[in-house]
């Protein structure tokens, strides 16, 4: 099995919206845990409250439901 790795890169479009490219290798569960741990650490160090983190995760989850097309 490949060593777990998560890569995030910022990509800007002409509308100046924030778009990012993500890629992971290895076990999806490990990659998810690593990405969430990193995101939560950034949020905590930036003074973002737990309730705001939950709100952001919920919003992002709902937004990606449209892109998922029912695939897991």
N, C-alpha and C. Protein backbone atom coordinates (compact mmCIF):
# COMPACT_ATOMS: atom_id res chain seq x y z
N UNK A 1 0.84 -1.19 0.00
CA UNK A 1 0.00 0.00 0.00
C UNK A 1 0.89 1.24 0.00
N UNK A 2 0.41 2.27 -0.67
CA UNK A 2 1.17 3.51 -0.78
C UNK A 2 1.14 4.29 0.53
N UNK A 3 2.19 5.01 0.78
CA UNK A 3 2.29 5.85 1.97
C UNK A 3 1.23 6.95 1.89
N UNK A 4 0.45 7.14 2.96
CA UNK A 4 -0.60 8.17 2.93
C UNK A 4 -0.01 9.57 2.72
N UNK A 5 -0.66 10.32 1.82
CA UNK A 5 -0.23 11.68 1.51
C UNK A 5 -1.45 12.47 1.07
N UNK A 6 -1.54 13.71 1.54
CA UNK A 6 -2.63 14.61 1.14
C UNK A 6 -1.97 15.86 0.57
N UNK A 7 -2.41 16.26 -0.61
CA UNK A 7 -1.87 17.45 -1.27
C UNK A 7 -3.03 18.41 -1.57
N UNK A 8 -2.85 19.67 -1.20
CA UNK A 8 -3.81 20.73 -1.51
C UNK A 8 -3.06 21.85 -2.21
N UNK A 9 -3.59 22.31 -3.34
CA UNK A 9 -2.98 23.42 -4.07
C UNK A 9 -4.06 24.44 -4.42
N UNK A 10 -3.73 25.70 -4.21
CA UNK A 10 -4.63 26.79 -4.57
C UNK A 10 -4.55 27.04 -6.06
N UNK A 11 -5.72 27.18 -6.66
CA UNK A 11 -5.79 27.51 -8.09
C UNK A 11 -6.81 28.63 -8.22
N UNK A 12 -6.42 29.72 -8.82
CA UNK A 12 -7.33 30.85 -8.98
C UNK A 12 -7.89 30.85 -10.39
N UNK A 13 -9.17 31.22 -10.48
CA UNK A 13 -9.76 31.37 -11.80
C UNK A 13 -9.91 32.85 -12.11
N UNK A 14 -10.46 33.17 -13.26
CA UNK A 14 -10.58 34.57 -13.67
C UNK A 14 -11.55 35.36 -12.80
N UNK A 15 -12.49 34.68 -12.14
CA UNK A 15 -13.44 35.37 -11.27
C UNK A 15 -12.87 35.62 -9.89
N UNK A 16 -11.62 35.24 -9.66
CA UNK A 16 -10.92 35.41 -8.38
C UNK A 16 -11.56 34.61 -7.25
N UNK A 17 -12.34 33.58 -7.59
CA UNK A 17 -12.88 32.69 -6.57
C UNK A 17 -11.76 31.76 -6.12
N UNK A 18 -11.83 31.33 -4.86
CA UNK A 18 -10.83 30.39 -4.38
C UNK A 18 -11.22 28.99 -4.83
N UNK A 19 -10.37 28.40 -5.60
CA UNK A 19 -10.56 27.03 -6.06
C UNK A 19 -9.28 26.29 -5.70
N UNK A 20 -9.44 25.07 -5.21
CA UNK A 20 -8.25 24.31 -4.87
C UNK A 20 -8.33 22.93 -5.52
N UNK A 21 -7.16 22.38 -5.70
CA UNK A 21 -7.02 21.04 -6.24
C UNK A 21 -6.56 20.16 -5.09
N UNK A 22 -7.19 19.01 -4.94
CA UNK A 22 -6.79 18.10 -3.87
C UNK A 22 -6.48 16.73 -4.44
N UNK A 23 -5.55 16.07 -3.79
CA UNK A 23 -5.15 14.74 -4.22
C UNK A 23 -4.70 13.98 -2.97
N UNK A 24 -5.03 12.70 -2.91
CA UNK A 24 -4.53 11.90 -1.81
C UNK A 24 -4.13 10.53 -2.32
N UNK A 25 -3.17 9.96 -1.65
CA UNK A 25 -2.73 8.60 -1.96
C UNK A 25 -2.73 7.81 -0.66
N UNK A 26 -2.88 6.52 -0.76
CA UNK A 26 -2.90 5.68 0.42
C UNK A 26 -4.32 5.47 0.91
N UNK A 27 -4.46 5.00 2.14
CA UNK A 27 -5.75 4.71 2.73
C UNK A 27 -6.58 5.98 2.90
N UNK A 28 -7.82 5.96 2.40
CA UNK A 28 -8.69 7.14 2.48
C UNK A 28 -8.97 7.56 3.92
N UNK A 29 -9.15 6.59 4.81
CA UNK A 29 -9.42 6.92 6.21
C UNK A 29 -8.26 7.65 6.86
N UNK A 30 -7.05 7.20 6.58
CA UNK A 30 -5.86 7.86 7.12
C UNK A 30 -5.73 9.26 6.52
N UNK A 31 -5.93 9.38 5.22
CA UNK A 31 -5.84 10.70 4.57
C UNK A 31 -6.88 11.66 5.13
N UNK A 32 -8.09 11.16 5.35
CA UNK A 32 -9.15 12.00 5.93
C UNK A 32 -8.75 12.48 7.32
N UNK A 33 -8.26 11.56 8.14
CA UNK A 33 -7.86 11.92 9.51
C UNK A 33 -6.73 12.94 9.49
N UNK A 34 -5.76 12.76 8.61
CA UNK A 34 -4.65 13.71 8.52
C UNK A 34 -5.16 15.09 8.09
N UNK A 35 -6.01 15.13 7.07
CA UNK A 35 -6.52 16.41 6.56
C UNK A 35 -7.36 17.12 7.61
N UNK A 36 -8.22 16.37 8.29
CA UNK A 36 -9.06 16.99 9.33
C UNK A 36 -8.21 17.47 10.50
N UNK A 37 -7.23 16.68 10.90
CA UNK A 37 -6.35 17.09 11.99
C UNK A 37 -5.62 18.37 11.65
N UNK A 38 -5.12 18.47 10.43
CA UNK A 38 -4.43 19.68 9.99
C UNK A 38 -5.38 20.87 9.96
N UNK A 39 -6.57 20.68 9.40
CA UNK A 39 -7.55 21.78 9.30
C UNK A 39 -7.97 22.25 10.69
N UNK A 40 -8.19 21.33 11.59
CA UNK A 40 -8.62 21.70 12.95
C UNK A 40 -7.50 22.42 13.68
N UNK A 41 -6.26 21.97 13.48
CA UNK A 41 -5.12 22.65 14.09
C UNK A 41 -5.00 24.09 13.58
N UNK A 42 -5.18 24.27 12.27
CA UNK A 42 -5.16 25.62 11.70
C UNK A 42 -6.27 26.49 12.28
N UNK A 43 -7.46 25.91 12.38
CA UNK A 43 -8.60 26.66 12.92
C UNK A 43 -8.34 27.07 14.37
N UNK A 44 -7.87 26.14 15.16
CA UNK A 44 -7.62 26.43 16.58
C UNK A 44 -6.54 27.49 16.74
N UNK A 45 -5.46 27.38 15.97
CA UNK A 45 -4.38 28.37 16.04
C UNK A 45 -4.81 29.74 15.52
N UNK A 46 -5.86 29.76 14.71
CA UNK A 46 -6.37 31.02 14.17
C UNK A 46 -7.49 31.61 15.02
N UNK A 47 -7.83 30.92 16.10
CA UNK A 47 -8.87 31.43 17.00
C UNK A 47 -10.28 31.18 16.52
N UNK A 48 -10.48 30.25 15.62
CA UNK A 48 -11.81 29.93 15.12
C UNK A 48 -12.49 28.99 16.12
N UNK A 49 -13.70 29.32 16.51
CA UNK A 49 -14.41 28.53 17.52
C UNK A 49 -14.85 27.18 16.97
N UNK A 50 -15.06 26.24 17.89
CA UNK A 50 -15.51 24.90 17.50
C UNK A 50 -16.86 24.97 16.79
N UNK A 51 -17.75 25.84 17.26
CA UNK A 51 -19.06 25.95 16.60
C UNK A 51 -18.92 26.47 15.17
N UNK A 52 -17.97 27.37 14.94
CA UNK A 52 -17.73 27.88 13.58
C UNK A 52 -17.13 26.78 12.70
N UNK A 53 -16.23 25.97 13.26
CA UNK A 53 -15.65 24.86 12.52
C UNK A 53 -16.75 23.89 12.10
N UNK A 54 -17.65 23.56 13.03
CA UNK A 54 -18.76 22.66 12.72
C UNK A 54 -19.64 23.24 11.62
N UNK A 55 -19.90 24.54 11.70
CA UNK A 55 -20.73 25.21 10.69
C UNK A 55 -20.05 25.15 9.32
N UNK A 56 -18.76 25.42 9.28
CA UNK A 56 -18.03 25.38 8.02
C UNK A 56 -18.00 23.97 7.42
N UNK A 57 -17.75 22.97 8.26
CA UNK A 57 -17.74 21.58 7.78
C UNK A 57 -19.10 21.22 7.23
N UNK A 58 -20.16 21.59 7.91
CA UNK A 58 -21.52 21.30 7.45
C UNK A 58 -21.80 21.96 6.10
N UNK A 59 -21.42 23.23 5.97
CA UNK A 59 -21.63 23.96 4.71
C UNK A 59 -20.85 23.32 3.56
N UNK A 60 -19.59 22.99 3.80
CA UNK A 60 -18.77 22.38 2.76
C UNK A 60 -19.32 21.02 2.38
N UNK A 61 -19.75 20.25 3.36
CA UNK A 61 -20.31 18.92 3.10
C UNK A 61 -21.54 19.03 2.20
N UNK A 62 -22.42 19.99 2.52
CA UNK A 62 -23.63 20.19 1.72
C UNK A 62 -23.28 20.65 0.30
N UNK A 63 -22.30 21.53 0.17
CA UNK A 63 -21.90 22.02 -1.15
C UNK A 63 -21.34 20.90 -2.02
N UNK A 64 -20.61 19.96 -1.42
CA UNK A 64 -20.00 18.89 -2.20
C UNK A 64 -20.99 17.79 -2.54
N UNK A 65 -22.16 17.76 -1.91
CA UNK A 65 -23.18 16.76 -2.24
C UNK A 65 -23.60 16.90 -3.71
N UNK A 66 -23.64 18.11 -4.20
CA UNK A 66 -24.02 18.35 -5.60
C UNK A 66 -22.96 17.82 -6.55
N UNK A 67 -21.70 17.87 -6.17
CA UNK A 67 -20.60 17.44 -7.02
C UNK A 67 -20.39 15.92 -6.96
N UNK A 68 -20.91 15.29 -5.93
CA UNK A 68 -20.63 13.87 -5.66
C UNK A 68 -21.36 12.93 -6.60
N UNK A 69 -22.56 13.26 -7.03
CA UNK A 69 -23.37 12.41 -7.89
C UNK A 69 -23.62 11.03 -7.29
N UNK A 70 -23.67 10.94 -5.96
CA UNK A 70 -23.99 9.70 -5.29
C UNK A 70 -22.87 8.69 -5.23
N UNK A 71 -21.64 9.09 -5.60
CA UNK A 71 -20.53 8.16 -5.57
C UNK A 71 -19.83 8.23 -4.22
N UNK A 72 -19.36 7.08 -3.75
CA UNK A 72 -18.59 7.05 -2.50
C UNK A 72 -17.14 6.77 -2.77
